[in-house]
Amino acid sequence: MEEQNLVYRGKSKDVYKVTDGPHTGKYLFVFTDRATGYMENGKPVFDPGYDTVVGEIPGKGAIACRFATYFFRLLKEKGVPSHYIDTISENEMIVEPATPLGMPVEHPEISGSAPLQNLEFTWRNQATGSFWRRYPFVTPCKNLHQVVEAWTKGDSDILITLEALEETGAMNREEIEQSVELVKNIAEIVSAEFASKNLHVIDGKFELGRLKYGDGKIVLIDEISPDVLRVCRGYKPDPDGNCTIFRECVVTSLSNGKRTIKNKNLVAGAGFIDIFL
């Protein structure tokens, strides 16, 4: 695909506008081998819960594309709306053009002002990652009942409360309620699918938007891939859904004011290929 057709370059994929052929006017997703995580002792540790690209995993793009295809088609069967059209190669997908949820800047002439480009919605079955780092008084892997949070999406994602979304005018109450319900519905389907494979989804994040040529309804856009899910082996819940063996797989630390939490039993994205595909 020609670089002049590049619409967006993200952490894990590139988006192009299709200018010829049967999908003219649609968008092409190219899933790359880029992977996010953190550096430890000079080496990359890959973790989809982090926002920084720390390297590449050979073949990861093809795995992510096949995985996303599997779940987009599953969601379609369940009646969940999305922008997915078709998968045309091992790492390329065609989707409907869509506008992410966001808000234009109210006064662009004010220095430092910026638009809300788009939103991501995280959902959490268990307390870990950035949730636990923000709320370290909570027991790691406590059941959070798929609590939903909204984040601004960018080089560094920033939490924005649902109340703030309404008060700023970025979304109205009905849109917020619809979005939370949609995210929880998708989370339930994805979690159940992994549970059928004896795996547990810790948390995930989805992007929502409106189809460019649609009726304005909020739908799932972007992707569902190993890049947006954290999945673990060995989950053993108590009657309240709190993991009883978190001490065996969770490692926390506090050094120089920086709090970290790591999950040792995460399933690598490459492992999904043998599970679902």
Protein backbone atom coordinates (compact mmCIF):
# COMPACT_ATOMS: atom_id res chain seq x y z
CA MET A 1 0.00 0.00 0.00
CA GLU A 2 1.32 3.45 -0.95
CA GLU A 3 2.53 5.65 1.90
CA GLN A 4 0.47 8.59 0.61
CA ASN A 5 -2.63 6.57 1.50
CA LEU A 6 -1.52 6.18 5.11
CA VAL A 7 -4.25 7.42 7.44
CA TYR A 8 -2.78 6.48 10.79
CA ARG A 9 0.23 4.65 12.22
CA GLY A 10 -0.46 3.14 15.62
CA LYS A 11 1.45 1.10 18.13
CA SER A 12 0.56 -2.24 16.54
CA LYS A 13 -0.92 -1.58 13.08
CA ASP A 14 -1.03 0.83 10.15
CA VAL A 15 -4.26 2.11 8.58
CA TYR A 16 -4.54 3.01 4.89
CA LYS A 17 -7.32 4.35 2.70
CA VAL A 18 -8.16 2.00 -0.17
CA THR A 19 -8.14 3.94 -3.46
CA ASP A 20 -8.85 1.23 -6.04
CA GLY A 21 -10.47 -2.17 -6.49
CA PRO A 22 -13.68 -3.56 -4.98
CA HIS A 23 -13.00 -1.98 -1.57
CA THR A 24 -12.40 1.56 -2.81
CA GLY A 25 -13.24 4.06 -0.09
CA LYS A 26 -12.82 1.54 2.71
CA TYR A 27 -9.87 1.28 5.09
CA LEU A 28 -7.11 -1.32 5.14
CA PHE A 29 -5.66 -2.48 8.45
CA VAL A 30 -2.10 -3.80 8.23
CA PHE A 31 -1.22 -5.65 11.44
CA THR A 32 2.48 -5.24 12.21
CA ASP A 33 4.97 -7.11 14.38
CA ARG A 34 5.41 -4.07 16.66
CA ALA A 35 4.72 -4.89 20.32
CA THR A 36 4.28 -2.87 23.50
CA GLY A 37 5.73 -3.52 26.94
CA TYR A 38 8.53 -2.28 29.16
CA MET A 39 12.30 -2.60 29.44
CA GLU A 40 13.85 -4.67 32.20
CA ASN A 41 17.61 -5.06 32.59
CA GLY A 42 18.06 -3.71 29.08
CA LYS A 43 15.70 -6.26 27.52
CA PRO A 44 12.11 -5.82 26.32
CA VAL A 45 9.33 -7.46 28.29
CA PHE A 46 6.23 -7.63 26.09
CA ASP A 47 2.94 -6.79 27.82
CA PRO A 48 -0.19 -5.47 26.02
CA GLY A 49 -1.13 -3.51 29.14
CA TYR A 50 1.66 -0.99 28.43
CA ASP A 51 1.61 1.86 25.90
CA THR A 52 5.24 1.95 24.72
CA VAL A 53 6.51 0.00 21.71
CA VAL A 54 9.63 -1.84 22.88
CA GLY A 55 10.36 -4.08 19.89
CA GLU A 56 8.97 -6.53 17.39
CA ILE A 57 7.79 -10.13 17.65
CA PRO A 58 8.19 -11.96 14.32
CA GLY A 59 4.84 -13.20 13.03
CA LYS A 60 2.86 -11.27 15.62
CA GLY A 61 0.98 -9.23 12.99
CA ALA A 62 -0.38 -12.32 11.26
CA ILE A 63 -1.43 -13.83 14.59
CA ALA A 64 -3.19 -10.62 15.62
CA CYS A 65 -5.03 -10.41 12.30
CA ARG A 66 -6.25 -14.00 12.43
CA PHE A 67 -7.27 -13.57 16.05
CA ALA A 68 -9.16 -10.34 15.31
CA THR A 69 -10.91 -12.03 12.39
CA TYR A 70 -12.02 -14.88 14.64
CA PHE A 71 -13.59 -12.53 17.18
CA PHE A 72 -15.09 -10.04 14.71
CA ARG A 73 -16.90 -12.93 13.04
CA LEU A 74 -17.98 -14.33 16.41
CA LEU A 75 -19.36 -10.94 17.45
CA LYS A 76 -21.22 -10.65 14.17
CA GLU A 77 -22.90 -14.00 14.90
CA LYS A 78 -23.90 -12.60 18.30
CA GLY A 79 -25.40 -9.48 16.74
CA VAL A 80 -22.73 -7.08 17.98
CA PRO A 81 -22.17 -4.20 15.50
CA SER A 82 -18.65 -3.38 14.31
CA HIS A 83 -16.82 -1.92 11.32
CA TYR A 84 -15.40 -5.27 10.15
CA ILE A 85 -15.86 -6.23 6.47
CA ASP A 86 -13.37 -8.92 5.46
CA THR A 87 -9.86 -10.32 5.90
CA ILE A 88 -7.85 -10.40 2.67
CA SER A 89 -4.43 -11.72 3.71
CA GLU A 90 -2.64 -13.12 6.72
CA ASN A 91 -2.11 -9.63 8.19
CA GLU A 92 -4.55 -7.39 6.27
CA MET A 93 -8.17 -6.59 7.04
CA ILE A 94 -10.78 -4.39 5.32
CA VAL A 95 -13.03 -2.26 7.53
CA GLU A 96 -15.62 0.45 7.11
CA PRO A 97 -14.33 4.00 7.64
CA ALA A 98 -15.39 5.14 11.08
CA THR A 99 -15.10 8.20 13.27
CA PRO A 100 -13.75 7.44 16.76
CA LEU A 101 -15.59 8.92 19.72
CA GLY A 102 -14.05 12.27 20.56
CA MET A 103 -14.57 16.02 20.64
CA PRO A 104 -13.11 18.98 18.72
CA VAL A 105 -11.27 21.62 20.73
CA GLU A 106 -13.67 24.37 21.81
CA HIS A 107 -11.19 27.24 21.48
CA PRO A 108 -8.26 26.29 19.23
CA GLU A 109 -6.80 29.79 19.53
CA ILE A 110 -5.96 29.15 23.19
CA SER A 111 -2.34 28.05 23.56
CA GLY A 112 -2.04 24.44 24.65
CA SER A 113 -5.58 23.50 23.66
CA ALA A 114 -6.08 20.20 21.86
CA PRO A 115 -8.99 18.10 20.61
CA LEU A 116 -10.07 14.82 22.16
CA GLN A 117 -8.97 12.66 19.24
CA ASN A 118 -10.56 9.40 20.31
CA LEU A 119 -11.44 7.30 23.31
CA GLU A 120 -10.59 3.82 24.47
CA PHE A 121 -12.70 1.89 26.96
CA THR A 122 -10.97 -0.53 29.28
CA TRP A 123 -12.84 -3.28 31.09
CA ARG A 124 -11.42 -5.24 33.95
CA ASN A 125 -12.31 -8.63 35.33
CA GLN A 126 -9.48 -8.50 37.86
CA ALA A 127 -7.45 -5.75 39.56
CA THR A 128 -4.01 -5.58 38.02
CA GLY A 129 -1.96 -3.42 35.64
CA SER A 130 -2.60 0.31 35.77
CA PHE A 131 -5.75 -0.23 37.84
CA TRP A 132 -3.78 -1.71 40.74
CA ARG A 133 -0.98 0.85 40.32
CA ARG A 134 -3.58 3.61 40.77
CA TYR A 135 -5.42 1.82 43.56
CA PRO A 136 -2.76 -0.20 45.43
CA PHE A 137 -5.04 -0.55 48.46
CA VAL A 138 -6.96 -3.19 46.48
CA THR A 139 -5.88 -6.84 46.64
CA PRO A 140 -4.26 -7.88 43.32
CA CYS A 141 -6.64 -9.92 41.17
CA LYS A 142 -9.72 -8.83 43.10
CA ASN A 143 -12.91 -9.37 41.07
CA LEU A 144 -13.92 -6.04 39.50
CA HIS A 145 -17.05 -7.30 37.70
CA GLN A 146 -15.94 -5.89 34.33
CA VAL A 147 -15.67 -2.31 35.58
CA VAL A 148 -15.43 0.05 32.58
CA GLU A 149 -13.12 3.08 32.35
CA ALA A 150 -12.61 5.62 29.56
CA TRP A 151 -9.18 6.77 28.40
CA THR A 152 -7.90 9.32 25.93
CA LYS A 153 -5.86 7.45 23.33
CA GLY A 154 -2.42 8.73 22.33
CA ASP A 155 1.29 8.34 23.00
CA SER A 156 0.36 8.26 26.68
CA ASP A 157 -3.19 7.23 27.56
CA ILE A 158 -4.95 9.38 30.16
CA LEU A 159 -7.88 8.32 32.32
CA ILE A 160 -11.04 10.44 31.97
CA THR A 161 -14.01 9.81 34.23
CA LEU A 162 -17.42 9.07 32.76
CA GLU A 163 -18.81 12.09 34.62
CA ALA A 164 -16.14 14.30 33.02
CA LEU A 165 -17.09 13.01 29.57
CA GLU A 166 -20.63 14.23 30.16
CA GLU A 167 -19.72 17.56 31.76
CA THR A 168 -17.25 18.49 29.02
CA GLY A 169 -19.81 17.71 26.33
CA ALA A 170 -17.69 14.96 24.79
CA MET A 171 -20.59 12.50 25.22
CA ASN A 172 -24.09 12.73 26.63
CA ARG A 173 -25.43 10.44 29.32
CA GLU A 174 -27.29 8.19 26.87
CA GLU A 175 -24.17 7.74 24.71
CA ILE A 176 -22.09 6.91 27.78
CA GLU A 177 -24.61 4.34 28.97
CA GLN A 178 -24.79 2.79 25.49
CA SER A 179 -21.00 2.62 25.29
CA VAL A 180 -20.61 1.00 28.71
CA GLU A 181 -23.33 -1.55 27.89
CA LEU A 182 -21.67 -2.36 24.54
CA VAL A 183 -18.24 -2.77 26.12
CA LYS A 184 -19.61 -5.04 28.85
CA ASN A 185 -21.49 -7.12 26.27
CA ILE A 186 -18.35 -7.63 24.16
CA ALA A 187 -16.28 -8.32 27.29
CA GLU A 188 -18.75 -11.01 28.35
CA ILE A 189 -18.59 -12.72 24.96
CA VAL A 190 -14.79 -12.57 24.79
CA SER A 191 -14.37 -13.75 28.40
CA ALA A 192 -16.75 -16.67 27.86
CA GLU A 193 -14.92 -17.73 24.70
CA PHE A 194 -11.60 -17.82 26.54
CA ALA A 195 -13.19 -19.60 29.51
CA SER A 196 -14.31 -22.34 27.12
CA LYS A 197 -10.59 -22.88 26.44
CA ASN A 198 -9.75 -22.96 30.17
CA LEU A 199 -8.24 -19.48 30.05
CA HIS A 200 -9.15 -16.33 31.95
CA VAL A 201 -9.25 -12.80 30.55
CA ILE A 202 -7.87 -10.38 33.13
CA ASP A 203 -8.74 -7.20 31.27
CA GLY A 204 -8.98 -5.63 27.83
CA LYS A 205 -9.62 -2.42 25.94
CA PHE A 206 -11.88 -1.56 23.03
CA GLU A 207 -12.29 1.48 20.83
CA LEU A 208 -15.75 2.65 19.85
CA GLY A 209 -16.95 4.96 17.11
CA ARG A 210 -19.54 5.65 14.43
CA LEU A 211 -19.45 4.35 10.88
CA LYS A 212 -18.79 7.14 8.39
CA TYR A 213 -21.72 6.02 6.23
CA GLY A 214 -23.85 4.61 9.03
CA ASP A 215 -26.82 5.86 11.03
CA GLY A 216 -24.76 7.36 13.86
CA LYS A 217 -25.02 4.27 16.06
CA ILE A 218 -22.01 3.58 18.29
CA VAL A 219 -20.19 0.41 17.23
CA LEU A 220 -16.97 -1.46 17.94
CA ILE A 221 -14.07 -0.22 15.81
CA ASP A 222 -10.31 -0.73 15.75
CA GLU A 223 -9.54 -4.34 16.70
CA ILE A 224 -9.82 -7.25 19.08
CA SER A 225 -6.40 -8.86 19.20
CA PRO A 226 -3.73 -10.10 21.60
CA ASP A 227 -2.60 -6.46 21.73
CA VAL A 228 -5.73 -5.40 23.59
CA LEU A 229 -6.25 -8.34 25.96
CA ARG A 230 -4.44 -9.75 28.96
CA VAL A 231 -5.12 -13.46 29.42
CA CYS A 232 -3.81 -15.81 32.10
CA ARG A 233 -3.63 -19.50 32.93
CA GLY A 234 -4.46 -20.99 36.30
CA TYR A 235 -7.24 -18.66 37.46
CA LYS A 236 -8.84 -20.14 40.59
CA PRO A 237 -11.67 -17.96 41.92
CA ASP A 238 -13.29 -17.98 45.32
CA PRO A 239 -17.12 -17.72 45.54
CA ASP A 240 -16.83 -13.94 44.99
CA GLY A 241 -14.66 -14.28 41.88
CA ASN A 242 -11.41 -13.14 43.51
CA CYS A 243 -8.41 -15.18 42.38
CA THR A 244 -7.16 -17.33 45.26
CA ILE A 245 -3.68 -18.01 43.87
CA PHE A 246 -2.58 -14.47 43.02
CA ARG A 247 0.43 -14.77 45.34
CA GLU A 248 1.80 -17.48 43.04
CA CYS A 249 1.79 -15.35 39.90
CA VAL A 250 1.65 -11.67 40.87
CA VAL A 251 4.85 -9.77 41.69
CA THR A 252 4.58 -6.21 42.99
CA SER A 253 7.24 -3.68 43.92
CA LEU A 254 7.76 -0.04 44.90
CA SER A 255 11.08 1.56 43.94
CA ASN A 256 11.90 5.27 43.80
CA GLY A 257 8.23 6.08 44.04
CA LYS A 258 7.35 3.87 41.06
CA ARG A 259 4.89 1.07 41.69
CA THR A 260 4.88 -2.02 39.45
CA ILE A 261 2.83 -5.17 39.16
CA LYS A 262 3.63 -8.15 36.95
CA ASN A 263 1.61 -11.25 36.14
CA LYS A 264 3.79 -14.30 35.58
CA ASN A 265 1.07 -16.53 34.10
CA LEU A 266 0.10 -14.34 31.15
CA VAL A 267 -0.44 -16.14 27.85
CA ALA A 268 1.79 -14.70 25.14
CA GLY A 269 -0.01 -13.47 22.04
CA ALA A 270 1.70 -16.14 19.97
CA GLY A 271 0.00 -18.76 22.14
CA PHE A 272 -3.43 -17.65 20.97
CA ILE A 273 -2.80 -19.09 17.52
CA ASP A 274 -2.87 -22.65 18.87
CA ILE A 275 -5.90 -22.00 21.04
CA PHE A 276 -8.36 -20.50 18.57
CA LEU A 277 -7.02 -20.84 15.05
